[in-house]
C-alpha atoms as a PDB file:
ATOM      1  CA  MET A   1      13.829  13.762   0.498  1.00  0.00           C
ATOM      2  CA  ASN A   2      15.371  11.333  -2.039  1.00  0.00           C
ATOM      3  CA  PRO A   3      15.126  12.776  -5.757  1.00  0.00           C
ATOM      4  CA  THR A   4      15.553   9.272  -7.230  1.00  0.00           C
ATOM      5  CA  LEU A   5      12.456   8.262  -5.517  1.00  0.00           C
ATOM      6  CA  ASP A   6      10.571  11.720  -6.405  1.00  0.00           C
ATOM      7  CA  ARG A   7      11.451  11.022  -9.956  1.00  0.00           C
ATOM      8  CA  TYR A   8      10.354   7.544  -9.900  1.00  0.00           C
ATOM      9  CA  VAL A   9       7.044   8.331  -8.243  1.00  0.00           C
ATOM     10  CA  GLU A  10       6.401  11.405 -10.545  1.00  0.00           C
ATOM     11  CA  GLU A  11       6.983   9.132 -13.583  1.00  0.00           C
ATOM     12  CA  ASN A  12       4.809   5.768 -12.387  1.00  0.00           C
ATOM     13  CA  TYR A  13       2.399   7.269 -10.023  1.00  0.00           C
ATOM     14  CA  ASP A  14      -0.574   6.630 -12.275  1.00  0.00           C
ATOM     15  CA  ARG A  15       0.748   2.968 -12.807  1.00  0.00           C
ATOM     16  CA  LEU A  16       1.291   2.337  -9.353  1.00  0.00           C
ATOM     17  CA  MET A  17      -2.437   3.397  -8.591  1.00  0.00           C
ATOM     18  CA  ALA A  18      -3.760   1.201 -11.079  1.00  0.00           C
ATOM     19  CA  ALA A  19      -2.028  -1.621  -9.740  1.00  0.00           C
ATOM     20  CA  ALA A  20      -3.220  -0.631  -6.148  1.00  0.00           C
ATOM     21  CA  VAL A  21      -6.556  -0.661  -7.397  1.00  0.00           C
ATOM     22  CA  ASN A  22      -6.326  -3.941  -9.194  1.00  0.00           C
ATOM     23  CA  ILE A  23      -4.924  -5.715  -5.863  1.00  0.00           C
ATOM     24  CA  LEU A  24      -7.104  -3.772  -3.288  1.00  0.00           C
ATOM     25  CA  GLY A  25     -10.058  -2.160  -5.096  1.00  0.00           C
ATOM     26  CA  GLN A  26     -10.815   1.587  -5.469  1.00  0.00           C
ATOM     27  CA  ASP A  27     -11.695   2.331  -1.787  1.00  0.00           C
ATOM     28  CA  ASP A  28      -8.575   1.166  -0.163  1.00  0.00           C
ATOM     29  CA  ALA A  29      -5.858   1.719  -3.076  1.00  0.00           C
ATOM     30  CA  GLY A  30      -4.976   5.301  -2.253  1.00  0.00           C
ATOM     31  CA  ASP A  31      -4.322   4.682   1.398  1.00  0.00           C
ATOM     32  CA  ALA A  32      -2.348   1.304   0.780  1.00  0.00           C
ATOM     33  CA  LEU A  33      -0.272   3.266  -2.101  1.00  0.00           C
ATOM     34  CA  HIS A  34       0.639   5.990   0.055  1.00  0.00           C
ATOM     35  CA  THR A  35       1.672   3.821   3.026  1.00  0.00           C
ATOM     36  CA  VAL A  36       3.915   1.825   0.732  1.00  0.00           C
ATOM     37  CA  LEU A  37       5.486   4.978  -0.369  1.00  0.00           C
ATOM     38  CA  LEU A  38       6.023   6.433   3.314  1.00  0.00           C
ATOM     39  CA  LYS A  39       7.893   3.070   3.749  1.00  0.00           C
ATOM     40  CA  LEU A  40      10.039   3.829   0.968  1.00  0.00           C
ATOM     41  CA  TYR A  41      10.729   7.360   1.738  1.00  0.00           C
ATOM     42  CA  GLY A  42      11.609   6.011   5.493  1.00  0.00           C
ATOM     43  CA  MET A  43      14.768   3.752   3.790  1.00  0.00           C
ATOM     44  CA  GLU A  44      18.179   4.706   3.228  1.00  0.00           C
ATOM     45  CA  SER A  45      18.514   6.666  -0.376  1.00  0.00           C
ATOM     46  CA  ASP A  46      21.184   4.455  -1.538  1.00  0.00           C
ATOM     47  CA  ARG A  47      19.025   1.406  -0.814  1.00  0.00           C
ATOM     48  CA  VAL A  48      16.075   2.832  -2.737  1.00  0.00           C
ATOM     49  CA  ALA A  49      18.096   3.921  -5.684  1.00  0.00           C
ATOM     50  CA  ALA A  50      19.238   0.260  -6.206  1.00  0.00           C
ATOM     51  CA  MET A  51      15.946  -0.950  -6.068  1.00  0.00           C
ATOM     52  CA  ILE A  52      14.886   1.320  -8.510  1.00  0.00           C
ATOM     53  CA  GLU A  53      17.972   0.989 -10.593  1.00  0.00           C
ATOM     54  CA  SER A  54      17.454  -3.016 -10.454  1.00  0.00           C
ATOM     55  CA  ASP A  55      13.653  -2.584 -10.946  1.00  0.00           C
ATOM     56  CA  TYR A  56      13.258  -4.468  -7.615  1.00  0.00           C
ATOM     57  CA  VAL A  57      11.069  -1.664  -6.499  1.00  0.00           C
ATOM     58  CA  ASN A  58       8.105  -3.132  -9.047  1.00  0.00           C
ATOM     59  CA  TYR A  59       8.230  -6.334  -6.897  1.00  0.00           C
ATOM     60  CA  TYR A  60       8.453  -4.349  -3.823  1.00  0.00           C
ATOM     61  CA  PHE A  61       5.373  -2.381  -4.472  1.00  0.00           C
ATOM     62  CA  VAL A  62       3.244  -5.418  -5.718  1.00  0.00           C
ATOM     63  CA  ARG A  63       4.251  -7.562  -2.914  1.00  0.00           C
ATOM     64  CA  SER A  64       3.523  -4.786  -0.291  1.00  0.00           C
ATOM     65  CA  LEU A  65       0.163  -4.124  -1.679  1.00  0.00           C
ATOM     66  CA  MET A  66      -0.645  -7.907  -1.476  1.00  0.00           C
ATOM     67  CA  ASN A  67       0.493  -7.793   2.113  1.00  0.00           C
ATOM     68  CA  GLU A  68      -1.935  -4.975   2.701  1.00  0.00           C
ATOM     69  CA  ARG A  69      -4.911  -6.783   1.193  1.00  0.00           C
ATOM     70  CA  ASN A  70      -4.089  -9.831   3.251  1.00  0.00           C
ATOM     71  CA  ASP A  71      -3.683  -7.692   6.480  1.00  0.00           C
ATOM     72  CA  ASN A  72      -7.108  -6.205   5.556  1.00  0.00           C
ATOM     73  CA  ALA A  73      -8.989  -9.362   5.184  1.00  0.00           C
ATOM     74  CA  VAL A  74      -7.469 -10.663   8.283  1.00  0.00           C
ATOM     75  CA  TYR A  75      -8.956  -7.399  10.132  1.00  0.00           C
ATOM     76  CA  GLU A  76     -12.378  -7.701   8.253  1.00  0.00           C
ATOM     77  CA  LYS A  77     -12.485 -11.323   9.132  1.00  0.00           C
ATOM     78  CA  SER A  78     -11.993 -10.517  12.887  1.00  0.00           C
ATOM     79  CA  ARG A  79     -14.543  -8.073  12.739  1.00  0.00           C
ATOM     80  CA  ARG A  80     -17.412 -10.261  11.417  1.00  0.00           C
ATOM     81  CA  ASN A  81     -18.384 -11.658  14.467  1.00  0.00           C
ATOM     82  CA  LEU A  82     -18.389  -8.369  16.493  1.00  0.00           C
ATOM     83  CA  PRO A  83     -21.931  -7.051  17.080  1.00  0.00           C
ATOM     84  CA  ARG A  84     -22.819  -3.636  15.311  1.00  0.00           C
ATOM     85  CA  TYR A  85     -22.669  -0.785  17.352  1.00  0.00           C
ATOM     86  CA  ASP A  86     -26.353  -0.099  16.740  1.00  0.00           C
ATOM     87  CA  ASP A  87     -27.035  -3.652  17.974  1.00  0.00           C
ATOM     88  CA  ARG A  88     -25.477  -3.002  21.292  1.00  0.00           C
ATOM     89  CA  CYS A  89     -27.033   0.067  21.860  1.00  0.00           C
ATOM     90  CA  GLU A  90     -30.597  -1.408  21.233  1.00  0.00           C
ATOM     91  CA  GLN A  91     -30.413  -3.761  24.098  1.00  0.00           C
END
């Protein structure tokens, strides 16, 4: 574990969740935020500590959430033209 990241998350979780909701909406915010947190926990402790100290971590969160939103949009767009499961079963 990373005590610096633990402390940062404890102090800023509500703010980070609010940003995630603002960017992605209520339904996807929690999963996206936790995905970003898992990525941070997978990084080297020194690198994360430097990101927190320089406030770069805030940019990292917002950019990662924006990427998540774009990935969701591409996924949803690719699914638009697929027939619904119910439609395929009725044939």
